[in-house]
Structures are given as structure tokens and as C-alpha cells.
Amino acid sequence: MQPNLDTSFFSIICELGSSLYTPEIELTDMRRLQLVEDIRNGQIENVRAVLEFNPEEGWCNNITEEVLAEATDDDRSANAGSVENWSNYETERIEAQRAGVRRRVAA
């Protein structure tokens, strides 16, 4: 079965120690509400970026702040002052080596 690529998909970049990684997520679970729920329930931790993308149209947006705000809304009222201070990494570039990607140079 061919997936519909003309829709929004969501991907997450997390931190584990000094490494960044993308958790393995089923294609059917790459929905915004599912990711918010997974973050809220602790299934996904140490989120550093949330990306929304559409492969057919060729665009990608950093929606980290919006998703983390949704995921922590219920917790803010219950645990005022104890919500972790999420950093905005939108202006920082993730180097290939730090992300675990080998560089290949064509000669």
C-alpha cells in the first residue's frame, strides 16, 4: 500500500547524554496529537526539536515551542514552577558529527 505523502508528518529530535537521536515512530503515529500525548505521558523525553514536514510539497517547519506548550499545559497548573525550562534550538545548527551522521565528500 502506497502512503499518502501529501500530508503533514511530525518527527522529534531527542537528547540522550551527549548524543542526539530520532526515536523510531510508526508512520501511523507521526501525528501531532499522538506526539503530544507521548511527550505528556513520558514515552518521549528530552525533546530538543519537533519538526512538521510534508514530503510531497517539500517543506519543513520547526514547531518545538508549540508542541511542548501543548504537552505541558496540564502539568503547569498542577505543578506550578516545576515545569522544565525547554530551550529553543531553532537558531542553533546541529553539526553532522554531533547528530551521528558521517560526512561524505565527493572527490
PDB file of N, CA and C in Angstrom:
ATOM      1  N   MET A   1       0.838  -1.184   0.000  1.00  0.00           N
ATOM      2  CA  MET A   1       0.000   0.000   0.000  1.00  0.00           C
ATOM      3  C   MET A   1       0.881   1.244   0.000  1.00  0.00           C
ATOM      4  N   GLN A   2       0.608   2.166  -0.881  1.00  0.00           N
ATOM      5  CA  GLN A   2       1.379   3.403  -1.007  1.00  0.00           C
ATOM      6  C   GLN A   2       0.855   4.439  -0.010  1.00  0.00           C
ATOM      7  N   PRO A   3       1.719   5.002   0.863  1.00  0.00           N
ATOM      8  CA  PRO A   3       1.252   6.019   1.812  1.00  0.00           C
ATOM      9  C   PRO A   3       0.968   7.344   1.107  1.00  0.00           C
ATOM     10  N   ASN A   4       0.063   8.118   1.657  1.00  0.00           N
ATOM     11  CA  ASN A   4      -0.225   9.455   1.148  1.00  0.00           C
ATOM     12  C   ASN A   4       0.854  10.405   1.662  1.00  0.00           C
ATOM     13  N   LEU A   5       1.730  10.874   0.784  1.00  0.00           N
ATOM     14  CA  LEU A   5       2.827  11.746   1.192  1.00  0.00           C
ATOM     15  C   LEU A   5       2.444  13.215   1.171  1.00  0.00           C
ATOM     16  N   ASP A   6       1.238  13.530   0.706  1.00  0.00           N
ATOM     17  CA  ASP A   6       0.797  14.924   0.674  1.00  0.00           C
ATOM     18  C   ASP A   6       0.007  15.236   1.936  1.00  0.00           C
ATOM     19  N   THR A   7       0.656  15.059   3.068  1.00  0.00           N
ATOM     20  CA  THR A   7       0.064  15.338   4.373  1.00  0.00           C
ATOM     21  C   THR A   7       1.184  15.737   5.329  1.00  0.00           C
ATOM     22  N   SER A   8       0.839  16.278   6.467  1.00  0.00           N
ATOM     23  CA  SER A   8       1.848  16.661   7.451  1.00  0.00           C
ATOM     24  C   SER A   8       2.273  15.461   8.286  1.00  0.00           C
ATOM     25  N   PHE A   9       3.563  15.286   8.405  1.00  0.00           N
ATOM     26  CA  PHE A   9       4.148  14.288   9.284  1.00  0.00           C
ATOM     27  C   PHE A   9       4.949  15.034  10.343  1.00  0.00           C
ATOM     28  N   PHE A  10       5.225  14.362  11.454  1.00  0.00           N
ATOM     29  CA  PHE A  10       5.936  15.002  12.556  1.00  0.00           C
ATOM     30  C   PHE A  10       7.078  14.105  13.002  1.00  0.00           C
ATOM     31  N   SER A  11       8.228  14.712  13.250  1.00  0.00           N
ATOM     32  CA  SER A  11       9.400  13.984  13.705  1.00  0.00           C
ATOM     33  C   SER A  11       9.984  14.712  14.907  1.00  0.00           C
ATOM     34  N   ILE A  12      10.649  13.962  15.765  1.00  0.00           N
ATOM     35  CA  ILE A  12      11.207  14.520  17.002  1.00  0.00           C
ATOM     36  C   ILE A  12      12.701  14.246  17.063  1.00  0.00           C
ATOM     37  N   ILE A  13      13.439  15.214  17.581  1.00  0.00           N
ATOM     38  CA  ILE A  13      14.854  15.019  17.872  1.00  0.00           C
ATOM     39  C   ILE A  13      14.991  15.107  19.387  1.00  0.00           C
ATOM     40  N   CYS A  14      15.578  14.068  19.984  1.00  0.00           N
ATOM     41  CA  CYS A  14      15.751  13.990  21.438  1.00  0.00           C
ATOM     42  C   CYS A  14      17.235  13.940  21.775  1.00  0.00           C
ATOM     43  N   GLU A  15      17.527  14.158  23.039  1.00  0.00           N
ATOM     44  CA  GLU A  15      18.910  14.113  23.513  1.00  0.00           C
ATOM     45  C   GLU A  15      19.059  12.981  24.517  1.00  0.00           C
ATOM     46  N   LEU A  16      20.135  12.236  24.373  1.00  0.00           N
ATOM     47  CA  LEU A  16      20.476  11.168  25.306  1.00  0.00           C
ATOM     48  C   LEU A  16      21.955  11.322  25.617  1.00  0.00           C
ATOM     49  N   GLY A  17      22.254  11.828  26.804  1.00  0.00           N
ATOM     50  CA  GLY A  17      23.647  12.105  27.145  1.00  0.00           C
ATOM     51  C   GLY A  17      24.175  13.214  26.256  1.00  0.00           C
ATOM     52  N   SER A  18      25.230  12.918  25.523  1.00  0.00           N
ATOM     53  CA  SER A  18      25.806  13.918  24.616  1.00  0.00           C
ATOM     54  C   SER A  18      25.454  13.619  23.163  1.00  0.00           C
ATOM     55  N   SER A  19      24.448  12.789  22.948  1.00  0.00           N
ATOM     56  CA  SER A  19      24.054  12.420  21.582  1.00  0.00           C
ATOM     57  C   SER A  19      22.626  12.869  21.295  1.00  0.00           C
ATOM     58  N   LEU A  20      22.379  13.188  20.042  1.00  0.00           N
ATOM     59  CA  LEU A  20      21.036  13.489  19.580  1.00  0.00           C
ATOM     60  C   LEU A  20      20.552  12.316  18.756  1.00  0.00           C
ATOM     61  N   TYR A  21      19.264  12.015  18.857  1.00  0.00           N
ATOM     62  CA  TYR A  21      18.708  10.896  18.098  1.00  0.00           C
ATOM     63  C   TYR A  21      17.250  11.180  17.765  1.00  0.00           C
ATOM     64  N   THR A  22      16.728  10.427  16.815  1.00  0.00           N
ATOM     65  CA  THR A  22      15.322  10.487  16.450  1.00  0.00           C
ATOM     66  C   THR A  22      14.675   9.179  16.861  1.00  0.00           C
ATOM     67  N   PRO A  23      13.709   9.217  17.774  1.00  0.00           N
ATOM     68  CA  PRO A  23      13.056   7.977  18.192  1.00  0.00           C
ATOM     69  C   PRO A  23      12.343   7.314  17.015  1.00  0.00           C
ATOM     70  N   GLU A  24      12.333   6.005  17.027  1.00  0.00           N
ATOM     71  CA  GLU A  24      11.636   5.258  15.982  1.00  0.00           C
ATOM     72  C   GLU A  24      10.140   5.373  16.226  1.00  0.00           C
ATOM     73  N   ILE A  25       9.423   5.868  15.217  1.00  0.00           N
ATOM     74  CA  ILE A  25       7.984   6.080  15.331  1.00  0.00           C
ATOM     75  C   ILE A  25       7.310   5.467  14.109  1.00  0.00           C
ATOM     76  N   GLU A  26       6.237   4.725  14.340  1.00  0.00           N
ATOM     77  CA  GLU A  26       5.467   4.160  13.238  1.00  0.00           C
ATOM     78  C   GLU A  26       4.884   5.300  12.404  1.00  0.00           C
ATOM     79  N   LEU A  27       4.766   5.080  11.113  1.00  0.00           N
ATOM     80  CA  LEU A  27       4.233   6.097  10.214  1.00  0.00           C
ATOM     81  C   LEU A  27       2.843   6.557  10.652  1.00  0.00           C
ATOM     82  N   THR A  28       2.035   5.645  11.119  1.00  0.00           N
ATOM     83  CA  THR A  28       0.678   5.998  11.556  1.00  0.00           C
ATOM     84  C   THR A  28       0.667   6.812  12.845  1.00  0.00           C
ATOM     85  N   ASP A  29       1.766   6.796  13.598  1.00  0.00           N
ATOM     86  CA  ASP A  29       1.859   7.555  14.848  1.00  0.00           C
ATOM     87  C   ASP A  29       2.564   8.890  14.673  1.00  0.00           C
ATOM     88  N   MET A  30       2.908   9.259  13.457  1.00  0.00           N
ATOM     89  CA  MET A  30       3.603  10.526  13.208  1.00  0.00           C
ATOM     90  C   MET A  30       2.591  11.663  13.081  1.00  0.00           C
ATOM     91  N   ARG A  31       1.662  11.702  14.047  1.00  0.00           N
ATOM     92  CA  ARG A  31       0.633  12.728  14.101  1.00  0.00           C
ATOM     93  C   ARG A  31       0.904  13.636  15.290  1.00  0.00           C
ATOM     94  N   ARG A  32       0.528  14.880  15.182  1.00  0.00           N
ATOM     95  CA  ARG A  32       0.800  15.861  16.229  1.00  0.00           C
ATOM     96  C   ARG A  32       0.175  15.448  17.565  1.00  0.00           C
ATOM     97  N   LEU A  33      -1.094  15.081  17.566  1.00  0.00           N
ATOM     98  CA  LEU A  33      -1.755  14.723  18.823  1.00  0.00           C
ATOM     99  C   LEU A  33      -1.114  13.508  19.481  1.00  0.00           C
ATOM    100  N   GLN A  34      -0.672  12.551  18.678  1.00  0.00           N
ATOM    101  CA  GLN A  34      -0.009  11.366  19.228  1.00  0.00           C
ATOM    102  C   GLN A  34       1.315  11.746  19.874  1.00  0.00           C
ATOM    103  N   LEU A  35       2.098  12.614  19.221  1.00  0.00           N
ATOM    104  CA  LEU A  35       3.386  13.031  19.788  1.00  0.00           C
ATOM    105  C   LEU A  35       3.199  13.832  21.071  1.00  0.00           C
ATOM    106  N   VAL A  36       2.201  14.713  21.083  1.00  0.00           N
ATOM    107  CA  VAL A  36       1.916  15.487  22.301  1.00  0.00           C
ATOM    108  C   VAL A  36       1.574  14.539  23.444  1.00  0.00           C
ATOM    109  N   GLU A  37       0.749  13.553  23.161  1.00  0.00           N
ATOM    110  CA  GLU A  37       0.362  12.569  24.181  1.00  0.00           C
ATOM    111  C   GLU A  37       1.570  11.758  24.663  1.00  0.00           C
ATOM    112  N   ASP A  38       2.440  11.352  23.743  1.00  0.00           N
ATOM    113  CA  ASP A  38       3.635  10.584  24.118  1.00  0.00           C
ATOM    114  C   ASP A  38       4.586  11.405  24.984  1.00  0.00           C
ATOM    115  N   ILE A  39       4.723  12.689  24.679  1.00  0.00           N
ATOM    116  CA  ILE A  39       5.574  13.565  25.499  1.00  0.00           C
ATOM    117  C   ILE A  39       4.939  13.748  26.871  1.00  0.00           C
ATOM    118  N   ARG A  40       3.654  13.993  26.895  1.00  0.00           N
ATOM    119  CA  ARG A  40       2.932  14.208  28.154  1.00  0.00           C
ATOM    120  C   ARG A  40       3.014  12.981  29.063  1.00  0.00           C
ATOM    121  N   ASN A  41       2.949  11.776  28.473  1.00  0.00           N
ATOM    122  CA  ASN A  41       2.982  10.538  29.259  1.00  0.00           C
ATOM    123  C   ASN A  41       4.392  10.058  29.575  1.00  0.00           C
ATOM    124  N   GLY A  42       5.413  10.758  29.092  1.00  0.00           N
ATOM    125  CA  GLY A  42       6.786  10.365  29.382  1.00  0.00           C
ATOM    126  C   GLY A  42       7.335   9.290  28.460  1.00  0.00           C
ATOM    127  N   GLN A  43       6.620   8.956  27.386  1.00  0.00           N
ATOM    128  CA  GLN A  43       7.120   7.970  26.427  1.00  0.00           C
ATOM    129  C   GLN A  43       8.278   8.544  25.616  1.00  0.00           C
ATOM    130  N   ILE A  44       8.283   9.850  25.429  1.00  0.00           N
ATOM    131  CA  ILE A  44       9.359  10.548  24.723  1.00  0.00           C
ATOM    132  C   ILE A  44       9.885  11.603  25.677  1.00  0.00           C
ATOM    133  N   GLU A  45      11.206  11.596  25.912  1.00  0.00           N
ATOM    134  CA  GLU A  45      11.822  12.512  26.876  1.00  0.00           C
ATOM    135  C   GLU A  45      12.958  13.288  26.238  1.00  0.00           C
ATOM    136  N   ASN A  46      13.363  14.357  26.905  1.00  0.00           N
ATOM    137  CA  ASN A  46      14.488  15.195  26.490  1.00  0.00           C
ATOM    138  C   ASN A  46      14.340  15.675  25.053  1.00  0.00           C
ATOM    139  N   VAL A  47      13.163  16.189  24.737  1.00  0.00           N
ATOM    140  CA  VAL A  47      12.874  16.676  23.385  1.00  0.00           C
ATOM    141  C   VAL A  47      13.663  17.952  23.131  1.00  0.00           C
ATOM    142  N   ARG A  48      14.349  17.989  22.009  1.00  0.00           N
ATOM    143  CA  ARG A  48      15.112  19.172  21.633  1.00  0.00           C
ATOM    144  C   ARG A  48      14.545  19.856  20.401  1.00  0.00           C
ATOM    145  N   ALA A  49      13.803  19.120  19.561  1.00  0.00           N
ATOM    146  CA  ALA A  49      13.168  19.725  18.383  1.00  0.00           C
ATOM    147  C   ALA A  49      12.010  18.859  17.929  1.00  0.00           C
ATOM    148  N   VAL A  50      10.965  19.520  17.445  1.00  0.00           N
ATOM    149  CA  VAL A  50       9.834  18.844  16.823  1.00  0.00           C
ATOM    150  C   VAL A  50       9.673  19.464  15.447  1.00  0.00           C
ATOM    151  N   LEU A  51       9.697  18.622  14.428  1.00  0.00           N
ATOM    152  CA  LEU A  51       9.625  19.095  13.053  1.00  0.00           C
ATOM    153  C   LEU A  51       8.341  18.610  12.394  1.00  0.00           C
ATOM    154  N   GLU A  52       7.658  19.523  11.727  1.00  0.00           N
ATOM    155  CA  GLU A  52       6.492  19.190  10.909  1.00  0.00           C
ATOM    156  C   GLU A  52       6.936  19.287   9.464  1.00  0.00           C
ATOM    157  N   PHE A  53       6.645  18.252   8.667  1.00  0.00           N
ATOM    158  CA  PHE A  53       7.087  18.294   7.274  1.00  0.00           C
ATOM    159  C   PHE A  53       6.063  17.641   6.357  1.00  0.00           C
ATOM    160  N   ASN A  54       6.135  18.040   5.093  1.00  0.00           N
ATOM    161  CA  ASN A  54       5.274  17.481   4.053  1.00  0.00           C
ATOM    162  C   ASN A  54       6.180  17.074   2.898  1.00  0.00           C
ATOM    163  N   PRO A  55       6.426  15.774   2.711  1.00  0.00           N
ATOM    164  CA  PRO A  55       7.349  15.315   1.672  1.00  0.00           C
ATOM    165  C   PRO A  55       6.907  15.678   0.254  1.00  0.00           C
ATOM    166  N   GLU A  56       5.611  15.678   0.001  1.00  0.00           N
ATOM    167  CA  GLU A  56       5.113  15.969  -1.344  1.00  0.00           C
ATOM    168  C   GLU A  56       5.353  17.428  -1.721  1.00  0.00           C
ATOM    169  N   GLU A  57       5.091  18.332  -0.774  1.00  0.00           N
ATOM    170  CA  GLU A  57       5.249  19.757  -1.048  1.00  0.00           C
ATOM    171  C   GLU A  57       6.675  20.251  -0.789  1.00  0.00           C
ATOM    172  N   GLY A  58       7.461  19.476  -0.059  1.00  0.00           N
ATOM    173  CA  GLY A  58       8.864  19.811   0.167  1.00  0.00           C
ATOM    174  C   GLY A  58       9.105  20.917   1.175  1.00  0.00           C
ATOM    175  N   TRP A  59       8.346  20.968   2.247  1.00  0.00           N
ATOM    176  CA  TRP A  59       8.594  21.971   3.278  1.00  0.00           C
ATOM    177  C   TRP A  59       8.727  21.325   4.645  1.00  0.00           C
ATOM    178  N   CYS A  60       9.371  22.067   5.564  1.00  0.00           N
ATOM    179  CA  CYS A  60       9.584  21.589   6.931  1.00  0.00           C
ATOM    180  C   CYS A  60       9.569  22.792   7.863  1.00  0.00           C
ATOM    181  N   ASN A  61       8.875  22.679   8.997  1.00  0.00           N
ATOM    182  CA  ASN A  61       8.801  23.758   9.990  1.00  0.00           C
ATOM    183  C   ASN A  61       9.202  23.246  11.359  1.00  0.00           C
ATOM    184  N   ASN A  62       9.887  24.097  12.107  1.00  0.00           N
ATOM    185  CA  ASN A  62      10.239  23.795  13.486  1.00  0.00           C
ATOM    186  C   ASN A  62       9.079  24.256  14.366  1.00  0.00           C
ATOM    187  N   ILE A  63       8.371  23.311  14.984  1.00  0.00           N
ATOM    188  CA  ILE A  63       7.210  23.640  15.820  1.00  0.00           C
ATOM    189  C   ILE A  63       7.428  23.202  17.266  1.00  0.00           C
ATOM    190  N   THR A  64       8.675  23.221  17.697  1.00  0.00           N
ATOM    191  CA  THR A  64       9.049  22.736  19.022  1.00  0.00           C
ATOM    192  C   THR A  64       8.274  23.435  20.134  1.00  0.00           C
ATOM    193  N   GLU A  65       8.279  24.761  20.119  1.00  0.00           N
ATOM    194  CA  GLU A  65       7.641  25.507  21.206  1.00  0.00           C
ATOM    195  C   GLU A  65       6.154  25.208  21.321  1.00  0.00           C
ATOM    196  N   GLU A  66       5.462  25.147  20.185  1.00  0.00           N
ATOM    197  CA  GLU A  66       4.022  24.907  20.210  1.00  0.00           C
ATOM    198  C   GLU A  66       3.694  23.526  20.772  1.00  0.00           C
ATOM    199  N   VAL A  67       4.428  22.510  20.336  1.00  0.00           N
ATOM    200  CA  VAL A  67       4.158  21.139  20.787  1.00  0.00           C
ATOM    201  C   VAL A  67       4.488  20.979  22.264  1.00  0.00           C
ATOM    202  N   LEU A  68       5.615  21.536  22.697  1.00  0.00           N
ATOM    203  CA  LEU A  68       5.973  21.420  24.112  1.00  0.00           C
ATOM    204  C   LEU A  68       4.993  22.189  24.996  1.00  0.00           C
ATOM    205  N   ALA A  69       4.485  23.305  24.495  1.00  0.00           N
ATOM    206  CA  ALA A  69       3.473  24.052  25.260  1.00  0.00           C
ATOM    207  C   ALA A  69       2.202  23.217  25.398  1.00  0.00           C
ATOM    208  N   GLU A  70       1.790  22.548  24.323  1.00  0.00           N
ATOM    209  CA  GLU A  70       0.613  21.672  24.393  1.00  0.00           C
ATOM    210  C   GLU A  70       0.843  20.518  25.359  1.00  0.00           C
ATOM    211  N   ALA A  71       2.033  19.938  25.309  1.00  0.00           N
ATOM    212  CA  ALA A  71       2.334  18.762  26.131  1.00  0.00           C
ATOM    213  C   ALA A  71       2.441  19.106  27.608  1.00  0.00           C
ATOM    214  N   THR A  72       2.793  20.335  27.929  1.00  0.00           N
ATOM    215  CA  THR A  72       2.987  20.702  29.336  1.00  0.00           C
ATOM    216  C   THR A  72       1.862  21.558  29.887  1.00  0.00           C
ATOM    217  N   ASP A  73       0.841  21.877  29.115  1.00  0.00           N
ATOM    218  CA  ASP A  73      -0.262  22.718  29.588  1.00  0.00           C
ATOM    219  C   ASP A  73      -0.921  22.173  30.838  1.00  0.00           C
ATOM    220  N   ASP A  74      -1.282  20.903  30.848  1.00  0.00           N
ATOM    221  CA  ASP A  74      -1.949  20.312  32.013  1.00  0.00           C
ATOM    222  C   ASP A  74      -1.022  20.280  33.217  1.00  0.00           C
ATOM    223  N   ASP A  75       0.286  20.044  32.962  1.00  0.00           N
ATOM    224  CA  ASP A  75       1.243  19.944  34.060  1.00  0.00           C
ATOM    225  C   ASP A  75       1.508  21.292  34.707  1.00  0.00           C
ATOM    226  N   ARG A  76       1.417  22.395  33.962  1.00  0.00           N
ATOM    227  CA  ARG A  76       1.734  23.714  34.517  1.00  0.00           C
ATOM    228  C   ARG A  76       0.782  24.085  35.638  1.00  0.00           C
ATOM    229  N   SER A  77      -0.486  23.793  35.485  1.00  0.00           N
ATOM    230  CA  SER A  77      -1.431  24.150  36.537  1.00  0.00           C
ATOM    231  C   SER A  77      -1.261  23.245  37.756  1.00  0.00           C
ATOM    232  N   ALA A  78      -0.943  21.977  37.528  1.00  0.00           N
ATOM    233  CA  ALA A  78      -0.802  21.032  38.639  1.00  0.00           C
ATOM    234  C   ALA A  78       0.545  21.176  39.342  1.00  0.00           C
ATOM    235  N   ASN A  79       1.591  21.472  38.588  1.00  0.00           N
ATOM    236  CA  ASN A  79       2.945  21.546  39.151  1.00  0.00           C
ATOM    237  C   ASN A  79       3.560  22.908  38.877  1.00  0.00           C
ATOM    238  N   ALA A  80       2.920  23.963  39.293  1.00  0.00           N
ATOM    239  CA  ALA A  80       3.415  25.307  39.012  1.00  0.00           C
ATOM    240  C   ALA A  80       4.850  25.459  39.514  1.00  0.00           C
ATOM    241  N   GLY A  81       5.712  25.952  38.640  1.00  0.00           N
ATOM    242  CA  GLY A  81       7.103  26.178  38.999  1.00  0.00           C
ATOM    243  C   GLY A  81       8.003  24.986  38.794  1.00  0.00           C
ATOM    244  N   SER A  82       7.464  23.794  38.570  1.00  0.00           N
ATOM    245  CA  SER A  82       8.319  22.623  38.430  1.00  0.00           C
ATOM    246  C   SER A  82       8.482  22.172  36.972  1.00  0.00           C
ATOM    247  N   VAL A  83       7.863  22.891  36.024  1.00  0.00           N
ATOM    248  CA  VAL A  83       7.979  22.529  34.613  1.00  0.00           C
ATOM    249  C   VAL A  83       9.386  22.850  34.135  1.00  0.00           C
ATOM    250  N   GLU A  84       9.966  21.898  33.455  1.00  0.00           N
ATOM    251  CA  GLU A  84      11.320  22.057  32.954  1.00  0.00           C
ATOM    252  C   GLU A  84      11.389  23.219  31.969  1.00  0.00           C
ATOM    253  N   ASN A  85      12.476  23.980  32.003  1.00  0.00           N
ATOM    254  CA  ASN A  85      12.661  25.096  31.093  1.00  0.00           C
ATOM    255  C   ASN A  85      13.168  24.567  29.761  1.00  0.00           C
ATOM    256  N   TRP A  86      12.280  24.509  28.760  1.00  0.00           N
ATOM    257  CA  TRP A  86      12.636  23.976  27.452  1.00  0.00           C
ATOM    258  C   TRP A  86      13.417  25.024  26.689  1.00  0.00           C
ATOM    259  N   SER A  87      14.524  24.636  26.095  1.00  0.00           N
ATOM    260  CA  SER A  87      15.340  25.548  25.307  1.00  0.00           C
ATOM    261  C   SER A  87      14.864  25.575  23.872  1.00  0.00           C
ATOM    262  N   ASN A  88      15.024  26.717  23.247  1.00  0.00           N
ATOM    263  CA  ASN A  88      14.687  26.867  21.837  1.00  0.00           C
ATOM    264  C   ASN A  88      15.972  26.722  21.027  1.00  0.00           C
ATOM    265  N   TYR A  89      16.079  25.642  20.282  1.00  0.00           N
ATOM    266  CA  TYR A  89      17.274  25.364  19.496  1.00  0.00           C
ATOM    267  C   TYR A  89      17.100  25.777  18.044  1.00  0.00           C
ATOM    268  N   GLU A  90      16.071  26.574  17.761  1.00  0.00           N
ATOM    269  CA  GLU A  90      15.771  26.942  16.387  1.00  0.00           C
ATOM    270  C   GLU A  90      16.933  27.651  15.706  1.00  0.00           C
ATOM    271  N   THR A  91      17.675  28.478  16.437  1.00  0.00           N
ATOM    272  CA  THR A  91      18.752  29.242  15.818  1.00  0.00           C
ATOM    273  C   THR A  91      20.081  28.490  15.824  1.00  0.00           C
ATOM    274  N   GLU A  92      20.142  27.369  16.521  1.00  0.00           N
ATOM    275  CA  GLU A  92      21.381  26.603  16.579  1.00  0.00           C
ATOM    276  C   GLU A  92      21.426  25.560  15.481  1.00  0.00           C
ATOM    277  N   ARG A  93      22.589  25.393  14.907  1.00  0.00           N
ATOM    278  CA  ARG A  93      22.770  24.387  13.873  1.00  0.00           C
ATOM    279  C   ARG A  93      23.296  23.117  14.518  1.00  0.00           C
ATOM    280  N   ILE A  94      22.714  21.999  14.171  1.00  0.00           N
ATOM    281  CA  ILE A  94      23.189  20.721  14.682  1.00  0.00           C
ATOM    282  C   ILE A  94      24.238  20.197  13.715  1.00  0.00           C
ATOM    283  N   GLU A  95      25.446  20.055  14.195  1.00  0.00           N
ATOM    284  CA  GLU A  95      26.525  19.580  13.345  1.00  0.00           C
ATOM    285  C   GLU A  95      26.335  18.095  13.036  1.00  0.00           C
ATOM    286  N   ALA A  96      26.753  17.698  11.865  1.00  0.00           N
ATOM    287  CA  ALA A  96      26.572  16.317  11.421  1.00  0.00           C
ATOM    288  C   ALA A  96      27.226  15.338  12.383  1.00  0.00           C
ATOM    289  N   GLN A  97      28.434  15.635  12.832  1.00  0.00           N
ATOM    290  CA  GLN A  97      29.140  14.709  13.720  1.00  0.00           C
ATOM    291  C   GLN A  97      28.384  14.548  15.041  1.00  0.00           C
ATOM    292  N   ARG A  98      27.875  15.637  15.596  1.00  0.00           N
ATOM    293  CA  ARG A  98      27.136  15.566  16.851  1.00  0.00           C
ATOM    294  C   ARG A  98      25.828  14.793  16.671  1.00  0.00           C
ATOM    295  N   ALA A  99      25.224  14.912  15.492  1.00  0.00           N
ATOM    296  CA  ALA A  99      23.979  14.197  15.217  1.00  0.00           C
ATOM    297  C   ALA A  99      24.224  12.746  14.841  1.00  0.00           C
ATOM    298  N   GLY A 100      25.508  12.340  14.743  1.00  0.00           N
ATOM    299  CA  GLY A 100      25.838  10.962  14.440  1.00  0.00           C
ATOM    300  C   GLY A 100      25.857  10.631  12.963  1.00  0.00           C
ATOM    301  N   VAL A 101      25.953  11.670  12.127  1.00  0.00           N
ATOM    302  CA  VAL A 101      25.974  11.475  10.680  1.00  0.00           C
ATOM    303  C   VAL A 101      27.411  11.577  10.192  1.00  0.00           C
ATOM    304  N   ARG A 102      27.814  10.592   9.426  1.00  0.00           N
ATOM    305  CA  ARG A 102      29.154  10.642   8.851  1.00  0.00           C
ATOM    306  C   ARG A 102      29.143  11.570   7.649  1.00  0.00           C
ATOM    307  N   ARG A 103      30.204  12.315   7.505  1.00  0.00           N
ATOM    308  CA  ARG A 103      30.312  13.210   6.362  1.00  0.00           C
ATOM    309  C   ARG A 103      30.932  12.473   5.192  1.00  0.00           C
ATOM    310  N   ARG A 104      30.327  12.665   4.053  1.00  0.00           N
ATOM    311  CA  ARG A 104      30.866  12.076   2.833  1.00  0.00           C
ATOM    312  C   ARG A 104      31.148  13.191   1.858  1.00  0.00           C
ATOM    313  N   VAL A 105      32.330  13.175   1.318  1.00  0.00           N
ATOM    314  CA  VAL A 105      32.726  14.223   0.394  1.00  0.00           C
ATOM    315  C   VAL A 105      33.044  13.575  -0.936  1.00  0.00           C
ATOM    316  N   ALA A 106      32.437  14.106  -1.993  1.00  0.00           N
ATOM    317  CA  ALA A 106      32.725  13.574  -3.332  1.00  0.00           C
ATOM    318  C   ALA A 106      33.985  14.235  -3.847  1.00  0.00           C
ATOM    319  N   ALA A 107      34.844  13.435  -4.438  1.00  0.00           N
ATOM    320  CA  ALA A 107      36.106  13.983  -4.946  1.00  0.00           C
ATOM    321  C   ALA A 107      36.009  14.228  -6.425  1.00  0.00           C
TER     322      ALA A 107
END
